[in-house]
Protein backbone atom coordinates (compact mmCIF):
# COMPACT_ATOMS: atom_id res chain seq x y z
CA UNK A 1 -18.72 19.33 -1.76
CA UNK A 2 -17.41 17.03 0.98
CA UNK A 3 -15.39 15.05 -1.55
CA UNK A 4 -13.74 18.21 -2.85
CA UNK A 5 -12.80 19.32 0.66
CA UNK A 6 -11.35 15.90 1.52
CA UNK A 7 -9.30 15.79 -1.69
CA UNK A 8 -8.06 19.34 -1.09
CA UNK A 9 -6.98 18.51 2.47
CA UNK A 10 -5.12 15.42 1.30
CA UNK A 11 -3.44 17.39 -1.50
CA UNK A 12 -2.36 20.02 1.04
CA UNK A 13 -0.91 17.34 3.34
CA UNK A 14 0.88 15.82 0.35
CA UNK A 15 2.38 19.22 -0.53
CA UNK A 16 3.74 19.61 2.98
CA UNK A 17 5.52 16.25 2.95
CA UNK A 18 8.85 15.47 1.39
CA UNK A 19 9.38 14.19 -1.30
CA UNK A 20 6.82 16.01 -3.37
CA UNK A 21 5.84 12.77 -5.12
CA UNK A 22 3.57 12.09 -2.14
CA UNK A 23 1.34 15.00 -3.24
CA UNK A 24 -0.04 13.01 -6.19
CA UNK A 25 -0.62 9.93 -4.08
CA UNK A 26 -2.39 11.84 -1.34
CA UNK A 27 -4.45 13.80 -3.86
CA UNK A 28 -5.53 10.83 -5.97
CA UNK A 29 -6.37 8.16 -3.40
CA UNK A 30 -9.33 9.89 -1.70
CA UNK A 31 -10.90 11.01 -4.97
CA UNK A 32 -10.72 7.50 -6.42
CA UNK A 33 -12.17 6.01 -3.23
CA UNK A 34 -15.01 8.57 -3.14
CA UNK A 35 -15.84 8.06 -6.81
CA UNK A 36 -15.90 4.30 -6.30
CA UNK A 37 -18.21 4.61 -3.31
CA UNK A 38 -20.59 6.98 -5.12
CA UNK A 39 -20.84 4.65 -8.12
CA UNK A 40 -21.29 1.65 -5.84
CA UNK A 41 -24.06 3.25 -3.77
CA UNK A 42 -25.91 4.07 -6.99
CA UNK A 43 -25.64 0.49 -8.22
CA UNK A 44 -25.54 -1.73 -5.11
CA UNK A 45 -27.08 0.31 -2.28
CA UNK A 46 -25.93 1.66 1.07
CA UNK A 47 -25.50 -1.70 2.82
CA UNK A 48 -22.95 -2.88 0.29
CA UNK A 49 -21.10 0.45 0.43
CA UNK A 50 -20.78 0.17 4.21
CA UNK A 51 -18.95 -3.13 3.80
CA UNK A 52 -16.77 -1.71 1.04
CA UNK A 53 -15.92 1.35 3.16
CA UNK A 54 -14.78 -0.81 6.05
CA UNK A 55 -12.71 -2.88 3.64
CA UNK A 56 -11.06 0.29 2.31
CA UNK A 57 -10.24 1.40 5.85
CA UNK A 58 -8.69 -1.97 6.72
CA UNK A 59 -6.70 -1.91 3.50
CA UNK A 60 -5.47 1.60 4.31
CA UNK A 61 -4.38 0.51 7.79
CA UNK A 62 -2.52 -2.44 6.31
CA UNK A 63 -0.91 -0.17 3.69
CA UNK A 64 0.21 2.23 6.42
CA UNK A 65 1.85 -0.67 8.27
CA UNK A 66 3.52 -1.79 5.03
CA UNK A 67 4.84 1.69 4.23
CA UNK A 68 6.10 2.19 7.77
CA UNK A 69 7.89 -1.14 7.77
CA UNK A 70 9.43 -0.61 4.32
CA UNK A 71 10.68 2.87 5.11
CA UNK A 72 12.09 1.80 8.46
CA UNK A 73 13.94 -1.20 7.02
CA UNK A 74 15.23 0.59 3.92
CA UNK A 75 16.30 3.84 5.54
CA UNK A 76 17.56 2.75 8.94
CA UNK A 77 18.82 -0.76 8.26
CA UNK A 78 19.89 -0.31 4.61
CA UNK A 79 18.57 -3.75 3.63
CA UNK A 80 18.09 -4.91 0.01
CA UNK A 81 14.95 -3.52 -1.62
CA UNK A 82 13.62 -6.80 -3.04
CA UNK A 83 13.92 -8.62 0.28
CA UNK A 84 12.30 -5.76 2.22
CA UNK A 85 9.36 -5.33 -0.16
CA UNK A 86 8.75 -9.08 -0.36
CA UNK A 87 8.75 -9.46 3.40
CA UNK A 88 6.66 -6.34 3.88
CA UNK A 89 4.05 -7.45 1.33
CA UNK A 90 3.57 -10.60 3.36
CA UNK A 91 3.00 -8.44 6.45
CA UNK A 92 0.59 -6.23 4.45
CA UNK A 93 -1.52 -9.17 3.30
CA UNK A 94 -1.46 -10.80 6.73
CA UNK A 95 -2.61 -7.54 8.34
CA UNK A 96 -5.35 -6.88 5.77
CA UNK A 97 -6.73 -10.41 5.83
CA UNK A 98 -6.29 -10.65 9.59
CA UNK A 99 -8.37 -7.50 10.08
CA UNK A 100 -10.98 -8.78 7.67
CA UNK A 101 -11.12 -12.22 9.27
CA UNK A 102 -11.27 -10.83 12.80
CA UNK A 103 -13.72 -7.98 12.30
CA UNK A 104 -15.82 -8.72 9.22
CA UNK A 105 -16.45 -12.43 9.01
């Protein structure tokens, strides 16, 4: 029930954003994460799922930073796509691993 509500809310947010291609992304990501967590809790237990959940949150924060940086550099600065995505991926990985190293080690 909770999973269905979360997916519905994300799909609604995706429908409100432009372009409409975000609707699929916002609708799919939470359902995949929830399904993964349910399968993992059944196989590995709650302790392992807690670690995985935190990892998903850190990855989402890093992805948000990546998407913000890419959109800012591509739209406002009109820089080349390959250079922007390459640089931004480095920032994404640094942020994700930095969060992991700082908070989970």
